[in-house]
Amino acid sequence: MKRDVTKKPKKKGTPKPRKVNPLKRIELCNKWISETPRDVDSYLERAEMKYLLRDFEGAIADCEVVLRIKPDNIAALNNRGIY
């Protein structure tokens, strides 16, 4: 029997994407931000979670905070344009 070479073989054991609870992630980001207020990654993570919750103004506000800390942050500039 010939193998169909037009189909990609399935990878066995490929993990499914984890489901993220945005509210819990926001709480965790808030904790990180209170501990290290200049950590731009925490603000970017929180902005993404706010975006998932359709809190666009909050997401943009977090991107603005990142840009005040690090004006050349590409991720914040990009996300601010998307949100």
C-alpha atoms as a PDB file:
ATOM      1  CA  MET A   1       0.000   0.000   0.000  1.00  0.00           C
ATOM      2  CA  LYS A   2       1.388   3.369  -1.011  1.00  0.00           C
ATOM      3  CA  ARG A   3       1.562   6.207   1.448  1.00  0.00           C
ATOM      4  CA  ASP A   4      -0.201   9.443   0.462  1.00  0.00           C
ATOM      5  CA  VAL A   5       2.657  11.954   0.310  1.00  0.00           C
ATOM      6  CA  THR A   6       0.306  14.944  -0.037  1.00  0.00           C
ATOM      7  CA  LYS A   7      -0.777  14.680   3.606  1.00  0.00           C
ATOM      8  CA  LYS A   8       1.478  15.746   6.426  1.00  0.00           C
ATOM      9  CA  PRO A   9       2.082  13.032   8.983  1.00  0.00           C
ATOM     10  CA  LYS A  10       0.475  13.713  12.345  1.00  0.00           C
ATOM     11  CA  LYS A  11       2.839  14.234  15.205  1.00  0.00           C
ATOM     12  CA  LYS A  12       2.109  11.927  18.059  1.00  0.00           C
ATOM     13  CA  GLY A  13       2.023  13.459  21.500  1.00  0.00           C
ATOM     14  CA  THR A  14       1.636  17.037  20.313  1.00  0.00           C
ATOM     15  CA  PRO A  15       0.365  18.962  23.326  1.00  0.00           C
ATOM     16  CA  LYS A  16      -2.889  20.860  23.067  1.00  0.00           C
ATOM     17  CA  PRO A  17      -2.716  24.596  23.720  1.00  0.00           C
ATOM     18  CA  ARG A  18      -3.305  25.421  27.362  1.00  0.00           C
ATOM     19  CA  LYS A  19      -6.439  27.298  28.217  1.00  0.00           C
ATOM     20  CA  VAL A  20      -5.630  30.539  29.958  1.00  0.00           C
ATOM     21  CA  ASN A  21      -7.897  32.169  32.498  1.00  0.00           C
ATOM     22  CA  PRO A  22      -7.386  35.883  31.736  1.00  0.00           C
ATOM     23  CA  LEU A  23      -8.726  37.043  35.111  1.00  0.00           C
ATOM     24  CA  LYS A  24      -6.271  34.862  37.017  1.00  0.00           C
ATOM     25  CA  ARG A  25      -3.428  35.974  34.757  1.00  0.00           C
ATOM     26  CA  ILE A  26      -4.333  39.623  35.390  1.00  0.00           C
ATOM     27  CA  GLU A  27      -4.235  38.988  39.149  1.00  0.00           C
ATOM     28  CA  LEU A  28      -0.822  37.378  38.771  1.00  0.00           C
ATOM     29  CA  CYS A  29       0.427  40.280  36.627  1.00  0.00           C
ATOM     30  CA  ASN A  30      -0.836  42.753  39.220  1.00  0.00           C
ATOM     31  CA  LYS A  31       1.228  40.915  41.843  1.00  0.00           C
ATOM     32  CA  TRP A  32       4.320  40.991  39.623  1.00  0.00           C
ATOM     33  CA  ILE A  33       3.807  44.694  38.888  1.00  0.00           C
ATOM     34  CA  SER A  34       3.487  45.521  42.582  1.00  0.00           C
ATOM     35  CA  GLU A  35       6.770  43.694  43.229  1.00  0.00           C
ATOM     36  CA  THR A  36       8.665  45.132  40.230  1.00  0.00           C
ATOM     37  CA  PRO A  37       6.825  48.175  38.842  1.00  0.00           C
ATOM     38  CA  ARG A  38       9.244  48.699  35.949  1.00  0.00           C
ATOM     39  CA  ASP A  39       8.894  45.158  34.561  1.00  0.00           C
ATOM     40  CA  VAL A  40       7.541  45.789  31.067  1.00  0.00           C
ATOM     41  CA  ASP A  41       6.837  42.096  30.430  1.00  0.00           C
ATOM     42  CA  SER A  42       4.242  42.056  33.210  1.00  0.00           C
ATOM     43  CA  TYR A  43       2.463  45.062  31.721  1.00  0.00           C
ATOM     44  CA  LEU A  44       2.523  43.493  28.253  1.00  0.00           C
ATOM     45  CA  GLU A  45       1.126  40.214  29.591  1.00  0.00           C
ATOM     46  CA  ARG A  46      -1.615  42.089  31.444  1.00  0.00           C
ATOM     47  CA  ALA A  47      -2.417  44.108  28.311  1.00  0.00           C
ATOM     48  CA  GLU A  48      -2.833  40.897  26.328  1.00  0.00           C
ATOM     49  CA  MET A  49      -5.181  39.446  28.950  1.00  0.00           C
ATOM     50  CA  LYS A  50      -7.214  42.662  29.023  1.00  0.00           C
ATOM     51  CA  TYR A  51      -7.438  42.478  25.234  1.00  0.00           C
ATOM     52  CA  LEU A  52      -8.805  38.927  25.481  1.00  0.00           C
ATOM     53  CA  LEU A  53     -11.446  40.236  27.888  1.00  0.00           C
ATOM     54  CA  ARG A  54     -12.273  43.010  25.379  1.00  0.00           C
ATOM     55  CA  ASP A  55     -11.034  45.716  27.793  1.00  0.00           C
ATOM     56  CA  PHE A  56      -9.381  47.629  24.974  1.00  0.00           C
ATOM     57  CA  GLU A  57      -8.906  50.872  26.932  1.00  0.00           C
ATOM     58  CA  GLY A  58      -7.165  48.980  29.746  1.00  0.00           C
ATOM     59  CA  ALA A  59      -4.954  47.144  27.259  1.00  0.00           C
ATOM     60  CA  ILE A  60      -3.944  50.407  25.585  1.00  0.00           C
ATOM     61  CA  ALA A  61      -3.264  51.993  28.994  1.00  0.00           C
ATOM     62  CA  ASP A  62      -0.871  49.165  29.874  1.00  0.00           C
ATOM     63  CA  CYS A  63       0.915  49.614  26.543  1.00  0.00           C
ATOM     64  CA  GLU A  64       1.247  53.333  27.298  1.00  0.00           C
ATOM     65  CA  VAL A  65       2.863  52.510  30.658  1.00  0.00           C
ATOM     66  CA  VAL A  66       5.356  50.270  28.881  1.00  0.00           C
ATOM     67  CA  LEU A  67       6.175  53.060  26.431  1.00  0.00           C
ATOM     68  CA  ARG A  68       6.770  55.492  29.297  1.00  0.00           C
ATOM     69  CA  ILE A  69       9.245  53.014  30.806  1.00  0.00           C
ATOM     70  CA  LYS A  70      10.812  51.934  27.514  1.00  0.00           C
ATOM     71  CA  PRO A  71       9.836  54.210  24.588  1.00  0.00           C
ATOM     72  CA  ASP A  72      11.312  51.935  21.911  1.00  0.00           C
ATOM     73  CA  ASN A  73       9.483  48.764  22.960  1.00  0.00           C
ATOM     74  CA  ILE A  74       8.322  47.237  19.672  1.00  0.00           C
ATOM     75  CA  ALA A  75       5.746  44.927  21.260  1.00  0.00           C
ATOM     76  CA  ALA A  76       4.012  47.819  23.037  1.00  0.00           C
ATOM     77  CA  LEU A  77       4.016  49.943  19.894  1.00  0.00           C
ATOM     78  CA  ASN A  78       2.605  47.063  17.865  1.00  0.00           C
ATOM     79  CA  ASN A  79      -0.016  46.070  20.431  1.00  0.00           C
ATOM     80  CA  ARG A  80      -1.117  49.656  20.967  1.00  0.00           C
ATOM     81  CA  GLY A  81      -1.833  49.835  17.256  1.00  0.00           C
ATOM     82  CA  ILE A  82      -3.786  46.562  17.304  1.00  0.00           C
ATOM     83  CA  TYR A  83      -5.800  47.222  20.463  1.00  0.00           C
END
